[in-house]
Amino acid sequence: MNSTAICSSGTPAKAGVHRAAARPSRDRTESLKLGLARLAFSSLLLAPATAMARQACAADIKQLCAEVKPGEGRLKACVKEHFGKLSASCQTALLSNVTITKSCKTDAQEKCPDIQPGGGRIQACMKEHFTELSERCKDALLLAKLQQQ
């Protein structure tokens, strides 16, 4: 008796190895896609605050992290390492990003779940639903707006 099975594609399969095991499960793939979508959603929610942080931190990052090659979290690690040396405006902008992310993520997912990311659509949705947002999210957004002025 031969222990080699024939797969549906007509190619031999190794004994004891199933084709489905070679691929991630559909549930795991869907979960990964959902996680990436949530990350993108959160990033787009923060676009104005992120732009403020880039502007406020550009000179500091050039000075303190010039030798760091961006990617794989290296620049983020450099900024964390030198946080105390960053200008007050850069520190404030970075803290605003964190505050908005933590404060508004749930609101954005609840109020704007079907909004296609990009083009300021999520920000417009959040603005449209501002009165329905949690007090915590409203406070974070208002504080960030005041800090921009």
N, C-alpha and C. Protein backbone atom coordinates (compact mmCIF):
# COMPACT_ATOMS: atom_id res chain seq x y z
N MET A 1 0.84 -1.18 0.00
CA MET A 1 0.00 0.00 0.00
C MET A 1 0.88 1.23 0.00
N ASN A 2 0.60 2.19 -0.84
CA ASN A 2 1.37 3.41 -1.00
C ASN A 2 0.83 4.46 -0.03
N SER A 3 1.72 5.16 0.70
CA SER A 3 1.27 6.15 1.68
C SER A 3 1.15 7.55 1.07
N THR A 4 1.43 7.71 -0.22
CA THR A 4 1.32 9.00 -0.86
C THR A 4 -0.09 9.20 -1.37
N ALA A 5 -0.70 10.30 -0.96
CA ALA A 5 -2.06 10.62 -1.40
C ALA A 5 -1.97 11.57 -2.59
N ILE A 6 -3.02 11.65 -3.34
CA ILE A 6 -3.08 12.57 -4.47
C ILE A 6 -4.01 13.72 -4.09
N CYS A 7 -3.48 14.96 -4.19
CA CYS A 7 -4.28 16.14 -3.89
C CYS A 7 -5.25 16.40 -5.03
N SER A 8 -6.22 17.29 -4.77
CA SER A 8 -7.21 17.62 -5.79
C SER A 8 -6.58 18.21 -7.03
N SER A 9 -5.38 18.78 -6.89
CA SER A 9 -4.70 19.35 -8.06
C SER A 9 -4.01 18.27 -8.89
N GLY A 10 -4.01 17.03 -8.38
CA GLY A 10 -3.38 15.93 -9.11
C GLY A 10 -1.92 15.72 -8.72
N THR A 11 -1.42 16.53 -7.77
CA THR A 11 -0.03 16.39 -7.34
C THR A 11 0.03 15.55 -6.08
N PRO A 12 1.11 14.79 -5.91
CA PRO A 12 1.21 13.96 -4.71
C PRO A 12 1.37 14.82 -3.46
N ALA A 13 0.76 14.39 -2.37
CA ALA A 13 0.92 15.07 -1.09
C ALA A 13 1.73 14.16 -0.18
N LYS A 14 2.54 14.77 0.68
CA LYS A 14 3.31 13.98 1.63
C LYS A 14 2.37 13.37 2.65
N ALA A 15 2.69 12.17 3.08
CA ALA A 15 1.86 11.49 4.06
C ALA A 15 1.78 12.30 5.33
N GLY A 16 0.58 12.43 5.87
CA GLY A 16 0.40 13.13 7.15
C GLY A 16 0.33 14.64 7.03
N VAL A 17 0.48 15.21 5.84
CA VAL A 17 0.44 16.65 5.67
C VAL A 17 -0.80 16.99 4.86
N HIS A 18 -1.61 17.82 5.40
CA HIS A 18 -2.82 18.24 4.72
C HIS A 18 -2.59 19.60 4.08
N ARG A 19 -3.17 19.80 2.91
CA ARG A 19 -3.01 21.08 2.22
C ARG A 19 -3.52 22.24 3.06
N ALA A 20 -4.61 22.06 3.78
CA ALA A 20 -5.19 23.13 4.59
C ALA A 20 -4.22 23.56 5.69
N ALA A 21 -3.42 22.64 6.20
CA ALA A 21 -2.48 22.96 7.26
C ALA A 21 -1.35 23.85 6.76
N ALA A 22 -1.09 23.83 5.48
CA ALA A 22 -0.01 24.64 4.93
C ALA A 22 -0.40 26.10 4.82
N ARG A 23 -1.70 26.38 4.86
CA ARG A 23 -2.20 27.76 4.77
C ARG A 23 -2.78 28.19 6.11
N PRO A 24 -2.72 29.52 6.42
CA PRO A 24 -3.38 29.96 7.64
C PRO A 24 -4.88 29.73 7.52
N SER A 25 -5.53 29.51 8.64
CA SER A 25 -6.96 29.28 8.60
C SER A 25 -7.67 30.53 8.12
N ARG A 26 -8.85 30.33 7.56
CA ARG A 26 -9.64 31.47 7.06
C ARG A 26 -9.94 32.42 8.21
N ASP A 27 -10.27 31.90 9.40
CA ASP A 27 -10.57 32.75 10.55
C ASP A 27 -9.36 33.60 10.93
N ARG A 28 -8.20 32.99 10.92
CA ARG A 28 -6.98 33.73 11.27
C ARG A 28 -6.68 34.81 10.24
N THR A 29 -6.87 34.50 8.97
CA THR A 29 -6.64 35.47 7.91
C THR A 29 -7.61 36.63 8.03
N GLU A 30 -8.89 36.32 8.28
CA GLU A 30 -9.89 37.37 8.45
C GLU A 30 -9.58 38.22 9.67
N SER A 31 -9.12 37.60 10.75
CA SER A 31 -8.76 38.33 11.96
C SER A 31 -7.60 39.27 11.70
N LEU A 32 -6.62 38.82 10.95
CA LEU A 32 -5.47 39.65 10.60
C LEU A 32 -5.92 40.83 9.75
N LYS A 33 -6.78 40.59 8.77
CA LYS A 33 -7.29 41.67 7.92
C LYS A 33 -8.05 42.69 8.75
N LEU A 34 -8.86 42.22 9.68
CA LEU A 34 -9.63 43.12 10.54
C LEU A 34 -8.69 43.95 11.42
N GLY A 35 -7.65 43.32 11.94
CA GLY A 35 -6.68 44.04 12.75
C GLY A 35 -5.97 45.12 11.96
N LEU A 36 -5.58 44.81 10.74
CA LEU A 36 -4.93 45.80 9.89
C LEU A 36 -5.89 46.93 9.53
N ALA A 37 -7.13 46.60 9.28
CA ALA A 37 -8.13 47.63 8.97
C ALA A 37 -8.33 48.56 10.16
N ARG A 38 -8.37 48.00 11.36
CA ARG A 38 -8.52 48.82 12.56
C ARG A 38 -7.32 49.74 12.74
N LEU A 39 -6.12 49.23 12.49
CA LEU A 39 -4.92 50.04 12.60
C LEU A 39 -4.96 51.19 11.60
N ALA A 40 -5.33 50.88 10.37
CA ALA A 40 -5.43 51.93 9.35
C ALA A 40 -6.50 52.94 9.73
N PHE A 41 -7.62 52.46 10.26
CA PHE A 41 -8.71 53.32 10.68
C PHE A 41 -8.22 54.29 11.76
N SER A 42 -7.51 53.78 12.75
CA SER A 42 -7.00 54.62 13.83
C SER A 42 -6.01 55.64 13.30
N SER A 43 -5.16 55.22 12.39
CA SER A 43 -4.17 56.13 11.82
C SER A 43 -4.85 57.26 11.06
N LEU A 44 -5.90 56.94 10.32
CA LEU A 44 -6.60 57.96 9.56
C LEU A 44 -7.37 58.91 10.46
N LEU A 45 -7.87 58.41 11.55
CA LEU A 45 -8.54 59.27 12.53
C LEU A 45 -7.57 60.32 13.03
N LEU A 46 -6.32 59.93 13.17
CA LEU A 46 -5.32 60.81 13.73
C LEU A 46 -4.59 61.67 12.71
N ALA A 47 -4.97 61.62 11.47
CA ALA A 47 -4.22 62.32 10.43
C ALA A 47 -3.91 63.78 10.78
N PRO A 48 -4.87 64.59 11.24
CA PRO A 48 -4.53 65.97 11.56
C PRO A 48 -3.52 66.07 12.71
N ALA A 49 -3.70 65.27 13.75
CA ALA A 49 -2.76 65.29 14.88
C ALA A 49 -1.40 64.78 14.45
N THR A 50 -1.38 63.77 13.58
CA THR A 50 -0.11 63.24 13.09
C THR A 50 0.62 64.27 12.26
N ALA A 51 -0.11 65.00 11.44
CA ALA A 51 0.51 66.06 10.64
C ALA A 51 1.11 67.13 11.55
N MET A 52 0.38 67.46 12.62
CA MET A 52 0.88 68.43 13.59
C MET A 52 2.17 67.92 14.23
N ALA A 53 2.20 66.64 14.58
CA ALA A 53 3.39 66.07 15.20
C ALA A 53 4.57 66.07 14.23
N ARG A 54 4.31 65.72 12.97
CA ARG A 54 5.40 65.74 11.98
C ARG A 54 6.00 67.13 11.87
N GLN A 55 5.13 68.12 11.78
CA GLN A 55 5.59 69.51 11.65
C GLN A 55 6.35 69.94 12.90
N ALA A 56 5.80 69.65 14.07
CA ALA A 56 6.41 70.07 15.33
C ALA A 56 7.71 69.33 15.62
N CYS A 57 7.85 68.12 15.10
CA CYS A 57 9.00 67.28 15.45
C CYS A 57 10.06 67.16 14.37
N ALA A 58 9.82 67.69 13.19
CA ALA A 58 10.74 67.49 12.06
C ALA A 58 12.18 67.89 12.41
N ALA A 59 12.36 69.09 12.94
CA ALA A 59 13.71 69.57 13.24
C ALA A 59 14.36 68.73 14.35
N ASP A 60 13.57 68.38 15.37
CA ASP A 60 14.10 67.57 16.48
C ASP A 60 14.57 66.21 15.98
N ILE A 61 13.74 65.59 15.16
CA ILE A 61 14.08 64.26 14.66
C ILE A 61 15.31 64.32 13.76
N LYS A 62 15.38 65.37 12.93
CA LYS A 62 16.57 65.53 12.08
C LYS A 62 17.83 65.65 12.93
N GLN A 63 17.73 66.38 14.01
CA GLN A 63 18.89 66.61 14.87
C GLN A 63 19.25 65.38 15.71
N LEU A 64 18.25 64.75 16.32
CA LEU A 64 18.52 63.68 17.27
C LEU A 64 18.58 62.29 16.65
N CYS A 65 17.95 62.11 15.50
CA CYS A 65 17.85 60.77 14.91
C CYS A 65 18.32 60.75 13.45
N ALA A 66 19.18 61.66 13.10
CA ALA A 66 19.64 61.77 11.70
C ALA A 66 20.28 60.48 11.19
N GLU A 67 20.97 59.77 12.05
CA GLU A 67 21.68 58.55 11.62
C GLU A 67 20.78 57.33 11.55
N VAL A 68 19.54 57.45 11.99
CA VAL A 68 18.62 56.31 12.04
C VAL A 68 17.92 56.13 10.70
N LYS A 69 17.98 54.91 10.20
CA LYS A 69 17.29 54.57 8.96
C LYS A 69 15.84 54.24 9.31
N PRO A 70 14.88 54.97 8.71
CA PRO A 70 13.46 54.70 9.02
C PRO A 70 13.04 53.28 8.65
N GLY A 71 12.07 52.78 9.37
CA GLY A 71 11.54 51.44 9.11
C GLY A 71 11.76 50.52 10.29
N GLU A 72 10.89 49.54 10.39
CA GLU A 72 10.96 48.50 11.42
C GLU A 72 11.02 49.07 12.83
N GLY A 73 10.41 50.24 13.04
CA GLY A 73 10.32 50.83 14.37
C GLY A 73 11.56 51.54 14.86
N ARG A 74 12.58 51.65 14.00
CA ARG A 74 13.83 52.26 14.45
C ARG A 74 13.67 53.75 14.78
N LEU A 75 12.95 54.47 13.95
CA LEU A 75 12.75 55.90 14.17
C LEU A 75 11.91 56.13 15.43
N LYS A 76 10.89 55.33 15.60
CA LYS A 76 10.04 55.42 16.79
C LYS A 76 10.87 55.16 18.04
N ALA A 77 11.73 54.18 18.00
CA ALA A 77 12.59 53.86 19.14
C ALA A 77 13.53 55.03 19.45
N CYS A 78 14.05 55.66 18.41
CA CYS A 78 14.94 56.81 18.60
C CYS A 78 14.19 57.96 19.26
N VAL A 79 12.98 58.22 18.79
CA VAL A 79 12.18 59.31 19.37
C VAL A 79 11.89 59.00 20.84
N LYS A 80 11.54 57.76 21.15
CA LYS A 80 11.30 57.37 22.54
C LYS A 80 12.54 57.57 23.40
N GLU A 81 13.68 57.15 22.86
CA GLU A 81 14.94 57.25 23.59
C GLU A 81 15.29 58.70 23.92
N HIS A 82 14.99 59.59 23.00
CA HIS A 82 15.36 61.01 23.15
C HIS A 82 14.18 61.90 23.52
N PHE A 83 13.09 61.31 23.99
CA PHE A 83 11.87 62.09 24.25
C PHE A 83 12.14 63.32 25.12
N GLY A 84 12.93 63.17 26.16
CA GLY A 84 13.25 64.27 27.07
C GLY A 84 14.02 65.40 26.41
N LYS A 85 14.67 65.13 25.30
CA LYS A 85 15.45 66.15 24.57
C LYS A 85 14.63 66.85 23.48
N LEU A 86 13.42 66.35 23.21
CA LEU A 86 12.58 66.93 22.18
C LEU A 86 12.04 68.28 22.65
N SER A 87 11.74 69.15 21.69
CA SER A 87 11.16 70.45 22.03
C SER A 87 9.80 70.25 22.70
N ALA A 88 9.37 71.25 23.44
CA ALA A 88 8.08 71.17 24.13
C ALA A 88 6.94 71.00 23.13
N SER A 89 7.02 71.68 21.99
CA SER A 89 5.94 71.55 21.00
C SER A 89 5.88 70.15 20.41
N CYS A 90 7.01 69.53 20.21
CA CYS A 90 7.06 68.16 19.69
C CYS A 90 6.51 67.19 20.74
N GLN A 91 6.93 67.33 21.97
CA GLN A 91 6.43 66.46 23.03
C GLN A 91 4.92 66.57 23.15
N THR A 92 4.41 67.80 23.11
CA THR A 92 2.97 68.02 23.21
C THR A 92 2.22 67.36 22.06
N ALA A 93 2.75 67.51 20.84
CA ALA A 93 2.11 66.93 19.66
C ALA A 93 2.09 65.40 19.75
N LEU A 94 3.18 64.80 20.18
CA LEU A 94 3.25 63.35 20.31
C LEU A 94 2.28 62.85 21.38
N LEU A 95 2.20 63.55 22.48
CA LEU A 95 1.28 63.15 23.55
C LEU A 95 -0.18 63.31 23.10
N SER A 96 -0.45 64.32 22.27
CA SER A 96 -1.81 64.49 21.73
C SER A 96 -2.20 63.29 20.88
N ASN A 97 -1.26 62.81 20.05
CA ASN A 97 -1.52 61.63 19.22
C ASN A 97 -1.93 60.44 20.07
N VAL A 98 -1.17 60.20 21.11
CA VAL A 98 -1.45 59.05 21.98
C VAL A 98 -2.80 59.23 22.66
N THR A 99 -3.05 60.42 23.14
CA THR A 99 -4.31 60.70 23.84
C THR A 99 -5.51 60.50 22.93
N ILE A 100 -5.44 61.02 21.70
CA ILE A 100 -6.56 60.88 20.77
C ILE A 100 -6.77 59.41 20.41
N THR A 101 -5.69 58.70 20.15
CA THR A 101 -5.81 57.29 19.81
C THR A 101 -6.52 56.52 20.91
N LYS A 102 -6.07 56.69 22.13
CA LYS A 102 -6.67 55.96 23.24
C LYS A 102 -8.09 56.42 23.55
N SER A 103 -8.33 57.70 23.38
CA SER A 103 -9.62 58.26 23.76
C SER A 103 -10.72 58.08 22.72
N CYS A 104 -10.36 58.01 21.44
CA CYS A 104 -11.37 58.05 20.38
C CYS A 104 -11.50 56.79 19.54
N LYS A 105 -10.67 55.83 19.75
CA LYS A 105 -10.70 54.63 18.90
C LYS A 105 -12.07 53.96 18.90
N THR A 106 -12.63 53.73 20.07
CA THR A 106 -13.93 53.07 20.17
C THR A 106 -15.03 53.92 19.53
N ASP A 107 -15.00 55.23 19.78
CA ASP A 107 -15.99 56.12 19.19
C ASP A 107 -15.94 56.06 17.66
N ALA A 108 -14.74 56.10 17.11
CA ALA A 108 -14.59 56.07 15.66
C ALA A 108 -15.11 54.75 15.08
N GLN A 109 -14.83 53.66 15.75
CA GLN A 109 -15.30 52.36 15.28
C GLN A 109 -16.82 52.25 15.38
N GLU A 110 -17.42 52.85 16.40
CA GLU A 110 -18.87 52.78 16.58
C GLU A 110 -19.62 53.75 15.67
N LYS A 111 -19.14 54.97 15.54
CA LYS A 111 -19.86 56.01 14.81
C LYS A 111 -19.60 55.99 13.30
N CYS A 112 -18.44 55.47 12.90
CA CYS A 112 -18.05 55.53 11.49
C CYS A 112 -17.58 54.19 10.94
N PRO A 113 -18.28 53.09 11.26
CA PRO A 113 -17.77 51.77 10.88
C PRO A 113 -17.72 51.50 9.38
N ASP A 114 -18.61 52.12 8.63
CA ASP A 114 -18.68 51.82 7.20
C ASP A 114 -18.03 52.90 6.34
N ILE A 115 -17.31 53.80 6.96
CA ILE A 115 -16.69 54.90 6.22
C ILE A 115 -15.41 54.38 5.54
N GLN A 116 -15.30 54.65 4.25
CA GLN A 116 -14.12 54.27 3.48
C GLN A 116 -12.96 55.20 3.88
N PRO A 117 -11.86 54.65 4.35
CA PRO A 117 -10.72 55.50 4.74
C PRO A 117 -10.16 56.31 3.57
N GLY A 118 -9.60 57.45 3.92
CA GLY A 118 -8.94 58.31 2.93
C GLY A 118 -9.75 59.55 2.63
N GLY A 119 -9.06 60.57 2.19
CA GLY A 119 -9.72 61.80 1.78
C GLY A 119 -10.39 62.57 2.90
N GLY A 120 -10.02 62.33 4.13
CA GLY A 120 -10.60 63.05 5.26
C GLY A 120 -12.01 62.60 5.62
N ARG A 121 -12.46 61.46 5.06
CA ARG A 121 -13.82 61.00 5.31
C ARG A 121 -14.06 60.61 6.78
N ILE A 122 -13.09 59.98 7.40
CA ILE A 122 -13.26 59.59 8.80
C ILE A 122 -13.31 60.82 9.69
N GLN A 123 -12.42 61.79 9.43
CA GLN A 123 -12.44 63.02 10.21
C GLN A 123 -13.78 63.73 10.04
N ALA A 124 -14.33 63.76 8.82
CA ALA A 124 -15.62 64.39 8.56
C ALA A 124 -16.72 63.66 9.32
N CYS A 125 -16.67 62.33 9.34
CA CYS A 125 -17.66 61.54 10.06
C CYS A 125 -17.59 61.84 11.56
N MET A 126 -16.40 61.89 12.10
CA MET A 126 -16.24 62.17 13.52
C MET A 126 -16.76 63.57 13.85
N LYS A 127 -16.50 64.52 12.97
CA LYS A 127 -16.99 65.88 13.16
C LYS A 127 -18.52 65.91 13.12
N GLU A 128 -19.10 65.17 12.18
CA GLU A 128 -20.55 65.08 12.05
C GLU A 128 -21.20 64.49 13.29
N HIS A 129 -20.51 63.56 13.94
CA HIS A 129 -21.03 62.87 15.12
C HIS A 129 -20.45 63.42 16.43
N PHE A 130 -19.85 64.60 16.37
CA PHE A 130 -19.14 65.13 17.53
C PHE A 130 -19.99 65.13 18.79
N THR A 131 -21.24 65.54 18.69
CA THR A 131 -22.09 65.61 19.89
C THR A 131 -22.40 64.24 20.48
N GLU A 132 -22.22 63.18 19.68
CA GLU A 132 -22.49 61.81 20.14
C GLU A 132 -21.24 61.12 20.70
N LEU A 133 -20.09 61.74 20.56
CA LEU A 133 -18.85 61.12 21.00
C LEU A 133 -18.77 61.11 22.53
N SER A 134 -17.98 60.21 23.04
CA SER A 134 -17.77 60.15 24.49
C SER A 134 -17.10 61.44 24.95
N GLU A 135 -17.32 61.78 26.20
CA GLU A 135 -16.70 62.99 26.75
C GLU A 135 -15.18 62.90 26.66
N ARG A 136 -14.67 61.72 26.89
CA ARG A 136 -13.22 61.51 26.84
C ARG A 136 -12.66 61.84 25.45
N CYS A 137 -13.34 61.37 24.41
CA CYS A 137 -12.90 61.62 23.04
C CYS A 137 -13.04 63.11 22.70
N LYS A 138 -14.18 63.70 23.06
CA LYS A 138 -14.38 65.14 22.81
C LYS A 138 -13.28 65.96 23.44
N ASP A 139 -12.97 65.65 24.69
CA ASP A 139 -11.93 66.39 25.40
C ASP A 139 -10.58 66.27 24.70
N ALA A 140 -10.25 65.07 24.27
CA ALA A 140 -8.96 64.85 23.59
C ALA A 140 -8.90 65.63 22.27
N LEU A 141 -9.99 65.59 21.50
CA LEU A 141 -10.01 66.30 20.23
C LEU A 141 -9.95 67.81 20.43
N LEU A 142 -10.70 68.32 21.39
CA LEU A 142 -10.68 69.75 21.67
C LEU A 142 -9.32 70.22 22.18
N LEU A 143 -8.71 69.44 23.02
CA LEU A 143 -7.39 69.78 23.54
C LEU A 143 -6.36 69.82 22.41
N ALA A 144 -6.41 68.85 21.52
CA ALA A 144 -5.49 68.82 20.38
C ALA A 144 -5.71 70.04 19.50
N LYS A 145 -6.97 70.41 19.27
CA LYS A 145 -7.29 71.57 18.45
C LYS A 145 -6.76 72.84 19.10
N LEU A 146 -6.93 72.98 20.39
CA LEU A 146 -6.42 74.16 21.11
C LEU A 146 -4.89 74.24 21.04
N GLN A 147 -4.25 73.09 21.11
CA GLN A 147 -2.78 73.07 21.06
C GLN A 147 -2.26 73.46 19.69
N GLN A 148 -3.06 73.28 18.65
CA GLN A 148 -2.65 73.66 17.30
C GLN A 148 -2.66 75.18 17.12
N GLN A 149 -3.46 75.88 17.91
CA GLN A 149 -3.62 77.33 17.74
C GLN A 149 -2.51 78.11 18.40
